[in-house]
Amino acid sequence: MSTRKNWMVFLLVLCILVTMLSVATLLLPASAAQPHSVQSAQPLYLLRDHGGYIALYDPTDNHLIRQYEIYTRLLPQTDVDALQAGIAVYSEEELSRLIEDFGG
């Protein structure tokens, strides 16, 4: 009987620990749970209009990195205005998403 009682206590303690861990994970702030989603203060790139095409620039020295075969004249005016001002890009994932959204 003693062995069965020990197993029951062990399983009870294990259940309590798993429950506490689950609750602690749910209570963590989103930024602590996903540290890779935090944006840096300095953008990695700038997306801008370059001769009617979307282009990728280095924000530190304004050097053209790449030009995409996406015509800016085919985009909505709000996107064209944003590209003329320059769209700061903080991650590779954000860059991929923006290029895909623009039609690339």
PDB file of N, CA and C in Angstrom:
ATOM      1  N   MET A   1       0.797  -1.196   0.000  1.00  0.00           N
ATOM      2  CA  MET A   1       0.000   0.000   0.000  1.00  0.00           C
ATOM      3  C   MET A   1       0.839   1.259   0.000  1.00  0.00           C
ATOM      4  N   SER A   2       1.964   1.214   0.615  1.00  0.00           N
ATOM      5  CA  SER A   2       2.830   2.377   0.724  1.00  0.00           C
ATOM      6  C   SER A   2       3.327   2.828  -0.642  1.00  0.00           C
ATOM      7  N   THR A   3       3.642   1.885  -1.517  1.00  0.00           N
ATOM      8  CA  THR A   3       4.127   2.219  -2.854  1.00  0.00           C
ATOM      9  C   THR A   3       3.031   2.928  -3.654  1.00  0.00           C
ATOM     10  N   ARG A   4       1.820   2.459  -3.549  1.00  0.00           N
ATOM     11  CA  ARG A   4       0.705   3.087  -4.266  1.00  0.00           C
ATOM     12  C   ARG A   4       0.464   4.507  -3.764  1.00  0.00           C
ATOM     13  N   LYS A   5       0.572   4.703  -2.461  1.00  0.00           N
ATOM     14  CA  LYS A   5       0.398   6.035  -1.877  1.00  0.00           C
ATOM     15  C   LYS A   5       1.505   6.974  -2.348  1.00  0.00           C
ATOM     16  N   ASN A   6       2.728   6.474  -2.415  1.00  0.00           N
ATOM     17  CA  ASN A   6       3.855   7.293  -2.897  1.00  0.00           C
ATOM     18  C   ASN A   6       3.642   7.715  -4.356  1.00  0.00           C
ATOM     19  N   TRP A   7       3.141   6.808  -5.175  1.00  0.00           N
ATOM     20  CA  TRP A   7       2.885   7.144  -6.576  1.00  0.00           C
ATOM     21  C   TRP A   7       1.784   8.200  -6.694  1.00  0.00           C
ATOM     22  N   MET A   8       0.777   8.084  -5.890  1.00  0.00           N
ATOM     23  CA  MET A   8      -0.313   9.065  -5.921  1.00  0.00           C
ATOM     24  C   MET A   8       0.192  10.454  -5.516  1.00  0.00           C
ATOM     25  N   VAL A   9       1.029  10.503  -4.495  1.00  0.00           N
ATOM     26  CA  VAL A   9       1.610  11.781  -4.065  1.00  0.00           C
ATOM     27  C   VAL A   9       2.514  12.337  -5.158  1.00  0.00           C
ATOM     28  N   PHE A  10       3.303  11.480  -5.756  1.00  0.00           N
ATOM     29  CA  PHE A  10       4.198  11.903  -6.847  1.00  0.00           C
ATOM     30  C   PHE A  10       3.392  12.476  -8.013  1.00  0.00           C
ATOM     31  N   LEU A  11       2.335  11.782  -8.426  1.00  0.00           N
ATOM     32  CA  LEU A  11       1.506  12.259  -9.530  1.00  0.00           C
ATOM     33  C   LEU A  11       0.800  13.566  -9.179  1.00  0.00           C
ATOM     34  N   LEU A  12       0.363  13.713  -7.961  1.00  0.00           N
ATOM     35  CA  LEU A  12      -0.275  14.949  -7.516  1.00  0.00           C
ATOM     36  C   LEU A  12       0.701  16.125  -7.580  1.00  0.00           C
ATOM     37  N   VAL A  13       1.902  15.918  -7.079  1.00  0.00           N
ATOM     38  CA  VAL A  13       2.934  16.969  -7.116  1.00  0.00           C
ATOM     39  C   VAL A  13       3.290  17.299  -8.557  1.00  0.00           C
ATOM     40  N   LEU A  14       3.401  16.296  -9.409  1.00  0.00           N
ATOM     41  CA  LEU A  14       3.717  16.515 -10.818  1.00  0.00           C
ATOM     42  C   LEU A  14       2.618  17.342 -11.499  1.00  0.00           C
ATOM     43  N   CYS A  15       1.374  17.009 -11.218  1.00  0.00           N
ATOM     44  CA  CYS A  15       0.252  17.776 -11.795  1.00  0.00           C
ATOM     45  C   CYS A  15       0.271  19.229 -11.334  1.00  0.00           C
ATOM     46  N   ILE A  16       0.559  19.437 -10.075  1.00  0.00           N
ATOM     47  CA  ILE A  16       0.625  20.802  -9.546  1.00  0.00           C
ATOM     48  C   ILE A  16       1.754  21.581 -10.214  1.00  0.00           C
ATOM     49  N   LEU A  17       2.912  20.964 -10.386  1.00  0.00           N
ATOM     50  CA  LEU A  17       4.043  21.647 -11.024  1.00  0.00           C
ATOM     51  C   LEU A  17       3.745  21.984 -12.482  1.00  0.00           C
ATOM     52  N   VAL A  18       3.145  21.052 -13.200  1.00  0.00           N
ATOM     53  CA  VAL A  18       2.809  21.305 -14.606  1.00  0.00           C
ATOM     54  C   VAL A  18       1.784  22.430 -14.710  1.00  0.00           C
ATOM     55  N   THR A  19       0.808  22.446 -13.825  1.00  0.00           N
ATOM     56  CA  THR A  19      -0.192  23.511 -13.820  1.00  0.00           C
ATOM     57  C   THR A  19       0.436  24.858 -13.521  1.00  0.00           C
ATOM     58  N   MET A  20       1.327  24.900 -12.548  1.00  0.00           N
ATOM     59  CA  MET A  20       2.000  26.162 -12.208  1.00  0.00           C
ATOM     60  C   MET A  20       2.850  26.654 -13.373  1.00  0.00           C
ATOM     61  N   LEU A  21       3.554  25.766 -14.029  1.00  0.00           N
ATOM     62  CA  LEU A  21       4.373  26.141 -15.181  1.00  0.00           C
ATOM     63  C   LEU A  21       3.504  26.666 -16.318  1.00  0.00           C
ATOM     64  N   SER A  22       2.387  26.029 -16.560  1.00  0.00           N
ATOM     65  CA  SER A  22       1.470  26.476 -17.618  1.00  0.00           C
ATOM     66  C   SER A  22       0.929  27.870 -17.324  1.00  0.00           C
ATOM     67  N   VAL A  23       0.524  28.099 -16.093  1.00  0.00           N
ATOM     68  CA  VAL A  23      -0.006  29.412 -15.708  1.00  0.00           C
ATOM     69  C   VAL A  23       1.083  30.479 -15.814  1.00  0.00           C
ATOM     70  N   ALA A  24       2.297  30.157 -15.386  1.00  0.00           N
ATOM     71  CA  ALA A  24       3.402  31.121 -15.471  1.00  0.00           C
ATOM     72  C   ALA A  24       3.707  31.477 -16.919  1.00  0.00           C
ATOM     73  N   THR A  25       3.654  30.500 -17.815  1.00  0.00           N
ATOM     74  CA  THR A  25       3.901  30.756 -19.232  1.00  0.00           C
ATOM     75  C   THR A  25       2.829  31.662 -19.824  1.00  0.00           C
ATOM     76  N   LEU A  26       1.593  31.453 -19.448  1.00  0.00           N
ATOM     77  CA  LEU A  26       0.503  32.293 -19.951  1.00  0.00           C
ATOM     78  C   LEU A  26       0.584  33.719 -19.435  1.00  0.00           C
ATOM     79  N   LEU A  27       1.146  33.901 -18.253  1.00  0.00           N
ATOM     80  CA  LEU A  27       1.207  35.224 -17.651  1.00  0.00           C
ATOM     81  C   LEU A  27       2.406  36.048 -18.101  1.00  0.00           C
ATOM     82  N   LEU A  28       3.362  35.418 -18.797  1.00  0.00           N
ATOM     83  CA  LEU A  28       4.521  36.162 -19.289  1.00  0.00           C
ATOM     84  C   LEU A  28       4.067  37.208 -20.289  1.00  0.00           C
ATOM     85  N   PRO A  29       4.657  38.396 -20.250  1.00  0.00           N
ATOM     86  CA  PRO A  29       4.315  39.397 -21.272  1.00  0.00           C
ATOM     87  C   PRO A  29       4.752  38.915 -22.645  1.00  0.00           C
ATOM     88  N   ALA A  30       4.079  39.396 -23.673  1.00  0.00           N
ATOM     89  CA  ALA A  30       4.377  38.966 -25.040  1.00  0.00           C
ATOM     90  C   ALA A  30       5.821  39.263 -25.423  1.00  0.00           C
ATOM     91  N   SER A  31       6.367  40.385 -24.983  1.00  0.00           N
ATOM     92  CA  SER A  31       7.746  40.732 -25.336  1.00  0.00           C
ATOM     93  C   SER A  31       8.744  39.775 -24.715  1.00  0.00           C
ATOM     94  N   ALA A  32       8.470  39.257 -23.524  1.00  0.00           N
ATOM     95  CA  ALA A  32       9.370  38.301 -22.898  1.00  0.00           C
ATOM     96  C   ALA A  32       9.249  36.939 -23.552  1.00  0.00           C
ATOM     97  N   ALA A  33       8.065  36.596 -24.031  1.00  0.00           N
ATOM     98  CA  ALA A  33       7.857  35.305 -24.662  1.00  0.00           C
ATOM     99  C   ALA A  33       8.420  35.269 -26.070  1.00  0.00           C
ATOM    100  N   GLN A  34       8.476  36.418 -26.762  1.00  0.00           N
ATOM    101  CA  GLN A  34       8.950  36.477 -28.140  1.00  0.00           C
ATOM    102  C   GLN A  34       9.998  37.571 -28.286  1.00  0.00           C
ATOM    103  N   PRO A  35      11.231  37.332 -27.830  1.00  0.00           N
ATOM    104  CA  PRO A  35      12.228  38.391 -27.890  1.00  0.00           C
ATOM    105  C   PRO A  35      12.640  38.773 -29.305  1.00  0.00           C
ATOM    106  N   HIS A  36      12.412  37.904 -30.306  1.00  0.00           N
ATOM    107  CA  HIS A  36      12.820  38.216 -31.671  1.00  0.00           C
ATOM    108  C   HIS A  36      11.898  39.205 -32.355  1.00  0.00           C
ATOM    109  N   SER A  37      10.702  39.431 -31.790  1.00  0.00           N
ATOM    110  CA  SER A  37       9.771  40.341 -32.427  1.00  0.00           C
ATOM    111  C   SER A  37      10.009  41.796 -32.023  1.00  0.00           C
ATOM    112  N   VAL A  38      10.902  42.020 -31.102  1.00  0.00           N
ATOM    113  CA  VAL A  38      11.177  43.380 -30.646  1.00  0.00           C
ATOM    114  C   VAL A  38      11.960  44.115 -31.734  1.00  0.00           C
ATOM    115  N   GLN A  39      11.497  45.293 -32.087  1.00  0.00           N
ATOM    116  CA  GLN A  39      12.163  46.067 -33.123  1.00  0.00           C
ATOM    117  C   GLN A  39      13.349  46.816 -32.538  1.00  0.00           C
ATOM    118  N   SER A  40      14.405  46.896 -33.335  1.00  0.00           N
ATOM    119  CA  SER A  40      15.554  47.673 -32.906  1.00  0.00           C
ATOM    120  C   SER A  40      15.261  49.149 -33.139  1.00  0.00           C
ATOM    121  N   ALA A  41      16.025  49.991 -32.484  1.00  0.00           N
ATOM    122  CA  ALA A  41      15.815  51.433 -32.620  1.00  0.00           C
ATOM    123  C   ALA A  41      16.199  51.911 -34.022  1.00  0.00           C
ATOM    124  N   GLN A  42      17.199  51.298 -34.614  1.00  0.00           N
ATOM    125  CA  GLN A  42      17.688  51.667 -35.945  1.00  0.00           C
ATOM    126  C   GLN A  42      17.122  50.697 -36.982  1.00  0.00           C
ATOM    127  N   PRO A  43      16.469  51.205 -38.021  1.00  0.00           N
ATOM    128  CA  PRO A  43      15.959  50.293 -39.050  1.00  0.00           C
ATOM    129  C   PRO A  43      17.106  49.618 -39.808  1.00  0.00           C
ATOM    130  N   LEU A  44      16.841  48.404 -40.277  1.00  0.00           N
ATOM    131  CA  LEU A  44      17.824  47.692 -41.097  1.00  0.00           C
ATOM    132  C   LEU A  44      17.870  48.240 -42.513  1.00  0.00           C
ATOM    133  N   TYR A  45      16.689  48.616 -43.020  1.00  0.00           N
ATOM    134  CA  TYR A  45      16.570  49.081 -44.410  1.00  0.00           C
ATOM    135  C   TYR A  45      15.554  50.209 -44.501  1.00  0.00           C
ATOM    136  N   LEU A  46      15.554  50.847 -45.659  1.00  0.00           N
ATOM    137  CA  LEU A  46      14.509  51.793 -46.043  1.00  0.00           C
ATOM    138  C   LEU A  46      13.987  51.363 -47.409  1.00  0.00           C
ATOM    139  N   LEU A  47      12.686  51.308 -47.554  1.00  0.00           N
ATOM    140  CA  LEU A  47      12.072  51.085 -48.858  1.00  0.00           C
ATOM    141  C   LEU A  47      11.641  52.432 -49.390  1.00  0.00           C
ATOM    142  N   ARG A  48      12.040  52.711 -50.640  1.00  0.00           N
ATOM    143  CA  ARG A  48      11.690  53.999 -51.251  1.00  0.00           C
ATOM    144  C   ARG A  48      11.441  53.810 -52.732  1.00  0.00           C
ATOM    145  N   ASP A  49      10.870  54.841 -53.320  1.00  0.00           N
ATOM    146  CA  ASP A  49      10.691  54.882 -54.765  1.00  0.00           C
ATOM    147  C   ASP A  49      12.023  55.255 -55.406  1.00  0.00           C
ATOM    148  N   HIS A  50      12.359  54.539 -56.465  1.00  0.00           N
ATOM    149  CA  HIS A  50      13.577  54.846 -57.218  1.00  0.00           C
ATOM    150  C   HIS A  50      13.258  54.699 -58.697  1.00  0.00           C
ATOM    151  N   GLY A  51      13.019  55.819 -59.352  1.00  0.00           N
ATOM    152  CA  GLY A  51      12.730  55.800 -60.784  1.00  0.00           C
ATOM    153  C   GLY A  51      11.468  55.034 -61.145  1.00  0.00           C
ATOM    154  N   GLY A  52      10.472  55.066 -60.271  1.00  0.00           N
ATOM    155  CA  GLY A  52       9.223  54.381 -60.555  1.00  0.00           C
ATOM    156  C   GLY A  52       9.173  52.940 -60.083  1.00  0.00           C
ATOM    157  N   TYR A  53      10.226  52.483 -59.421  1.00  0.00           N
ATOM    158  CA  TYR A  53      10.276  51.131 -58.878  1.00  0.00           C
ATOM    159  C   TYR A  53      10.517  51.184 -57.365  1.00  0.00           C
ATOM    160  N   ILE A  54      10.124  50.130 -56.685  1.00  0.00           N
ATOM    161  CA  ILE A  54      10.441  50.023 -55.261  1.00  0.00           C
ATOM    162  C   ILE A  54      11.910  49.644 -55.128  1.00  0.00           C
ATOM    163  N   ALA A  55      12.605  50.327 -54.224  1.00  0.00           N
ATOM    164  CA  ALA A  55      14.028  50.072 -54.030  1.00  0.00           C
ATOM    165  C   ALA A  55      14.342  49.961 -52.545  1.00  0.00           C
ATOM    166  N   LEU A  56      15.372  49.181 -52.255  1.00  0.00           N
ATOM    167  CA  LEU A  56      15.814  48.943 -50.885  1.00  0.00           C
ATOM    168  C   LEU A  56      17.105  49.727 -50.653  1.00  0.00           C
ATOM    169  N   TYR A  57      17.143  50.499 -49.575  1.00  0.00           N
ATOM    170  CA  TYR A  57      18.287  51.339 -49.255  1.00  0.00           C
ATOM    171  C   TYR A  57      18.851  51.008 -47.885  1.00  0.00           C
ATOM    172  N   ASP A  58      20.133  51.263 -47.725  1.00  0.00           N
ATOM    173  CA  ASP A  58      20.785  51.197 -46.418  1.00  0.00           C
ATOM    174  C   ASP A  58      20.493  52.524 -45.725  1.00  0.00           C
ATOM    175  N   PRO A  59      19.880  52.496 -44.536  1.00  0.00           N
ATOM    176  CA  PRO A  59      19.500  53.758 -43.892  1.00  0.00           C
ATOM    177  C   PRO A  59      20.685  54.554 -43.346  1.00  0.00           C
ATOM    178  N   THR A  60      21.832  53.917 -43.149  1.00  0.00           N
ATOM    179  CA  THR A  60      22.968  54.637 -42.574  1.00  0.00           C
ATOM    180  C   THR A  60      23.664  55.534 -43.587  1.00  0.00           C
ATOM    181  N   ASP A  61      23.793  55.060 -44.817  1.00  0.00           N
ATOM    182  CA  ASP A  61      24.508  55.876 -45.812  1.00  0.00           C
ATOM    183  C   ASP A  61      23.691  56.143 -47.076  1.00  0.00           C
ATOM    184  N   ASN A  62      22.398  55.757 -47.043  1.00  0.00           N
ATOM    185  CA  ASN A  62      21.493  56.003 -48.161  1.00  0.00           C
ATOM    186  C   ASN A  62      21.944  55.317 -49.446  1.00  0.00           C
ATOM    187  N   HIS A  63      22.670  54.227 -49.311  1.00  0.00           N
ATOM    188  CA  HIS A  63      23.182  53.457 -50.446  1.00  0.00           C
ATOM    189  C   HIS A  63      22.101  52.523 -50.978  1.00  0.00           C
ATOM    190  N   LEU A  64      21.895  52.518 -52.295  1.00  0.00           N
ATOM    191  CA  LEU A  64      20.941  51.621 -52.935  1.00  0.00           C
ATOM    192  C   LEU A  64      21.449  50.189 -52.846  1.00  0.00           C
ATOM    193  N   ILE A  65      20.648  49.315 -52.249  1.00  0.00           N
ATOM    194  CA  ILE A  65      21.027  47.911 -52.107  1.00  0.00           C
ATOM    195  C   ILE A  65      20.429  47.072 -53.220  1.00  0.00           C
ATOM    196  N   ARG A  66      19.127  47.290 -53.478  1.00  0.00           N
ATOM    197  CA  ARG A  66      18.441  46.468 -54.465  1.00  0.00           C
ATOM    198  C   ARG A  66      17.232  47.213 -54.988  1.00  0.00           C
ATOM    199  N   GLN A  67      16.942  46.996 -56.261  1.00  0.00           N
ATOM    200  CA  GLN A  67      15.738  47.548 -56.870  1.00  0.00           C
ATOM    201  C   GLN A  67      14.846  46.380 -57.261  1.00  0.00           C
ATOM    202  N   TYR A  68      13.566  46.463 -56.905  1.00  0.00           N
ATOM    203  CA  TYR A  68      12.609  45.408 -57.216  1.00  0.00           C
ATOM    204  C   TYR A  68      11.839  45.756 -58.482  1.00  0.00           C
ATOM    205  N   GLU A  69      11.408  44.758 -59.191  1.00  0.00           N
ATOM    206  CA  GLU A  69      10.625  44.959 -60.406  1.00  0.00           C
ATOM    207  C   GLU A  69       9.151  45.157 -60.054  1.00  0.00           C
ATOM    208  N   ILE A  70       8.901  46.110 -59.177  1.00  0.00           N
ATOM    209  CA  ILE A  70       7.545  46.444 -58.754  1.00  0.00           C
ATOM    210  C   ILE A  70       7.332  47.926 -59.056  1.00  0.00           C
ATOM    211  N   TYR A  71       6.435  48.204 -59.983  1.00  0.00           N
ATOM    212  CA  TYR A  71       6.149  49.588 -60.350  1.00  0.00           C
ATOM    213  C   TYR A  71       5.397  50.299 -59.237  1.00  0.00           C
ATOM    214  N   THR A  72       5.887  51.456 -58.852  1.00  0.00           N
ATOM    215  CA  THR A  72       5.196  52.216 -57.818  1.00  0.00           C
ATOM    216  C   THR A  72       3.919  52.866 -58.354  1.00  0.00           C
ATOM    217  N   ARG A  73       3.868  53.137 -59.652  1.00  0.00           N
ATOM    218  CA  ARG A  73       2.687  53.795 -60.215  1.00  0.00           C
ATOM    219  C   ARG A  73       1.448  52.906 -60.167  1.00  0.00           C
ATOM    220  N   LEU A  74       1.639  51.602 -59.960  1.00  0.00           N
ATOM    221  CA  LEU A  74       0.510  50.677 -59.885  1.00  0.00           C
ATOM    222  C   LEU A  74      -0.025  50.515 -58.459  1.00  0.00           C
ATOM    223  N   LEU A  75       0.655  51.137 -57.501  1.00  0.00           N
ATOM    224  CA  LEU A  75       0.271  51.019 -56.100  1.00  0.00           C
ATOM    225  C   LEU A  75      -0.741  52.097 -55.715  1.00  0.00           C
ATOM    226  N   PRO A  76      -1.493  51.878 -54.635  1.00  0.00           N
ATOM    227  CA  PRO A  76      -2.388  52.933 -54.145  1.00  0.00           C
ATOM    228  C   PRO A  76      -1.592  54.179 -53.745  1.00  0.00           C
ATOM    229  N   GLN A  77      -2.224  55.331 -53.829  1.00  0.00           N
ATOM    230  CA  GLN A  77      -1.537  56.597 -53.556  1.00  0.00           C
ATOM    231  C   GLN A  77      -0.944  56.658 -52.157  1.00  0.00           C
ATOM    232  N   THR A  78      -1.610  56.067 -51.175  1.00  0.00           N
ATOM    233  CA  THR A  78      -1.063  56.080 -49.814  1.00  0.00           C
ATOM    234  C   THR A  78       0.269  55.331 -49.747  1.00  0.00           C
ATOM    235  N   ASP A  79       0.379  54.226 -50.491  1.00  0.00           N
ATOM    236  CA  ASP A  79       1.643  53.483 -50.537  1.00  0.00           C
ATOM    237  C   ASP A  79       2.718  54.276 -51.270  1.00  0.00           C
ATOM    238  N   VAL A  80       2.331  54.941 -52.344  1.00  0.00           N
ATOM    239  CA  VAL A  80       3.281  55.759 -53.100  1.00  0.00           C
ATOM    240  C   VAL A  80       3.816  56.887 -52.222  1.00  0.00           C
ATOM    241  N   ASP A  81       2.929  57.532 -51.481  1.00  0.00           N
ATOM    242  CA  ASP A  81       3.348  58.616 -50.579  1.00  0.00           C
ATOM    243  C   ASP A  81       4.296  58.089 -49.506  1.00  0.00           C
ATOM    244  N   ALA A  82       3.979  56.917 -48.943  1.00  0.00           N
ATOM    245  CA  ALA A  82       4.845  56.324 -47.916  1.00  0.00           C
ATOM    246  C   ALA A  82       6.209  55.971 -48.492  1.00  0.00           C
ATOM    247  N   LEU A  83       6.242  55.446 -49.701  1.00  0.00           N
ATOM    248  CA  LEU A  83       7.522  55.108 -50.332  1.00  0.00           C
ATOM    249  C   LEU A  83       8.333  56.348 -50.672  1.00  0.00           C
ATOM    250  N   GLN A  84       7.690  57.417 -51.046  1.00  0.00           N
ATOM    251  CA  GLN A  84       8.420  58.648 -51.333  1.00  0.00           C
ATOM    252  C   GLN A  84       9.043  59.215 -50.064  1.00  0.00           C
ATOM    253  N   ALA A  85       8.361  59.036 -48.935  1.00  0.00           N
ATOM    254  CA  ALA A  85       8.921  59.489 -47.655  1.00  0.00           C
ATOM    255  C   ALA A  85       9.967  58.504 -47.132  1.00  0.00           C
ATOM    256  N   GLY A  86       9.823  57.231 -47.487  1.00  0.00           N
ATOM    257  CA  GLY A  86      10.726  56.186 -47.020  1.00  0.00           C
ATOM    258  C   GLY A  86      10.062  55.360 -45.927  1.00  0.00           C
ATOM    259  N   ILE A  87       9.987  54.063 -46.128  1.00  0.00           N
ATOM    260  CA  ILE A  87       9.394  53.149 -45.157  1.00  0.00           C
ATOM    261  C   ILE A  87      10.521  52.432 -44.423  1.00  0.00           C
ATOM    262  N   ALA A  88      10.615  52.653 -43.115  1.00  0.00           N
ATOM    263  CA  ALA A  88      11.637  51.998 -42.294  1.00  0.00           C
ATOM    264  C   ALA A  88      11.278  50.522 -42.135  1.00  0.00           C
ATOM    265  N   VAL A  89      12.291  49.661 -42.315  1.00  0.00           N
ATOM    266  CA  VAL A  89      12.110  48.217 -42.189  1.00  0.00           C
ATOM    267  C   VAL A  89      13.055  47.729 -41.102  1.00  0.00           C
ATOM    268  N   TYR A  90      12.495  47.026 -40.100  1.00  0.00           N
ATOM    269  CA  TYR A  90      13.267  46.643 -38.926  1.00  0.00           C
ATOM    270  C   TYR A  90      13.686  45.179 -38.878  1.00  0.00           C
ATOM    271  N   SER A  91      13.204  44.356 -39.805  1.00  0.00           N
ATOM    272  CA  SER A  91      13.592  42.944 -39.802  1.00  0.00           C
ATOM    273  C   SER A  91      13.457  42.370 -41.208  1.00  0.00           C
ATOM    274  N   GLU A  92      14.105  41.238 -41.424  1.00  0.00           N
ATOM    275  CA  GLU A  92      14.009  40.546 -42.707  1.00  0.00           C
ATOM    276  C   GLU A  92      12.573  40.062 -42.940  1.00  0.00           C
ATOM    277  N   GLU A  93      11.913  39.634 -41.867  1.00  0.00           N
ATOM    278  CA  GLU A  93      10.531  39.174 -41.985  1.00  0.00           C
ATOM    279  C   GLU A  93       9.613  40.314 -42.429  1.00  0.00           C
ATOM    280  N   GLU A  94       9.826  41.493 -41.844  1.00  0.00           N
ATOM    281  CA  GLU A  94       9.026  42.654 -42.225  1.00  0.00           C
ATOM    282  C   GLU A  94       9.279  43.025 -43.676  1.00  0.00           C
ATOM    283  N   LEU A  95      10.539  42.950 -44.116  1.00  0.00           N
ATOM    284  CA  LEU A  95      10.880  43.244 -45.510  1.00  0.00           C
ATOM    285  C   LEU A  95      10.160  42.279 -46.444  1.00  0.00           C
ATOM    286  N   SER A  96      10.205  40.995 -46.136  1.00  0.00           N
ATOM    287  CA  SER A  96       9.531  39.997 -46.975  1.00  0.00           C
ATOM    288  C   SER A  96       8.039  40.260 -47.053  1.00  0.00           C
ATOM    289  N   ARG A  97       7.444  40.580 -45.912  1.00  0.00           N
ATOM    290  CA  ARG A  97       6.010  40.840 -45.873  1.00  0.00           C
ATOM    291  C   ARG A  97       5.647  42.068 -46.707  1.00  0.00           C
ATOM    292  N   LEU A  98       6.438  43.142 -46.576  1.00  0.00           N
ATOM    293  CA  LEU A  98       6.147  44.364 -47.342  1.00  0.00           C
ATOM    294  C   LEU A  98       6.285  44.133 -48.835  1.00  0.00           C
ATOM    295  N   ILE A  99       7.352  43.466 -49.242  1.00  0.00           N
ATOM    296  CA  ILE A  99       7.536  43.207 -50.684  1.00  0.00           C
ATOM    297  C   ILE A  99       6.403  42.351 -51.213  1.00  0.00           C
ATOM    298  N   GLU A 100       5.996  41.367 -50.439  1.00  0.00           N
ATOM    299  CA  GLU A 100       4.861  40.536 -50.849  1.00  0.00           C
ATOM    300  C   GLU A 100       3.584  41.359 -50.927  1.00  0.00           C
ATOM    301  N   ASP A 101       3.370  42.243 -49.967  1.00  0.00           N
ATOM    302  CA  ASP A 101       2.179  43.091 -49.974  1.00  0.00           C
ATOM    303  C   ASP A 101       2.162  44.035 -51.179  1.00  0.00           C
ATOM    304  N   PHE A 102       3.331  44.496 -51.583  1.00  0.00           N
ATOM    305  CA  PHE A 102       3.415  45.403 -52.728  1.00  0.00           C
ATOM    306  C   PHE A 102       3.305  44.666 -54.059  1.00  0.00           C
ATOM    307  N   GLY A 103       3.355  43.349 -54.011  1.00  0.00           N
ATOM    308  CA  GLY A 103       3.141  42.592 -55.243  1.00  0.00           C
ATOM    309  C   GLY A 103       4.379  41.889 -55.762  1.00  0.00           C
ATOM    310  N   GLY A 104       5.402  41.804 -54.929  1.00  0.00           N
ATOM    311  CA  GLY A 104       6.637  41.161 -55.381  1.00  0.00           C
ATOM    312  C   GLY A 104       6.708  39.708 -55.103  1.00  0.00           C
TER     313      GLY A 104
END
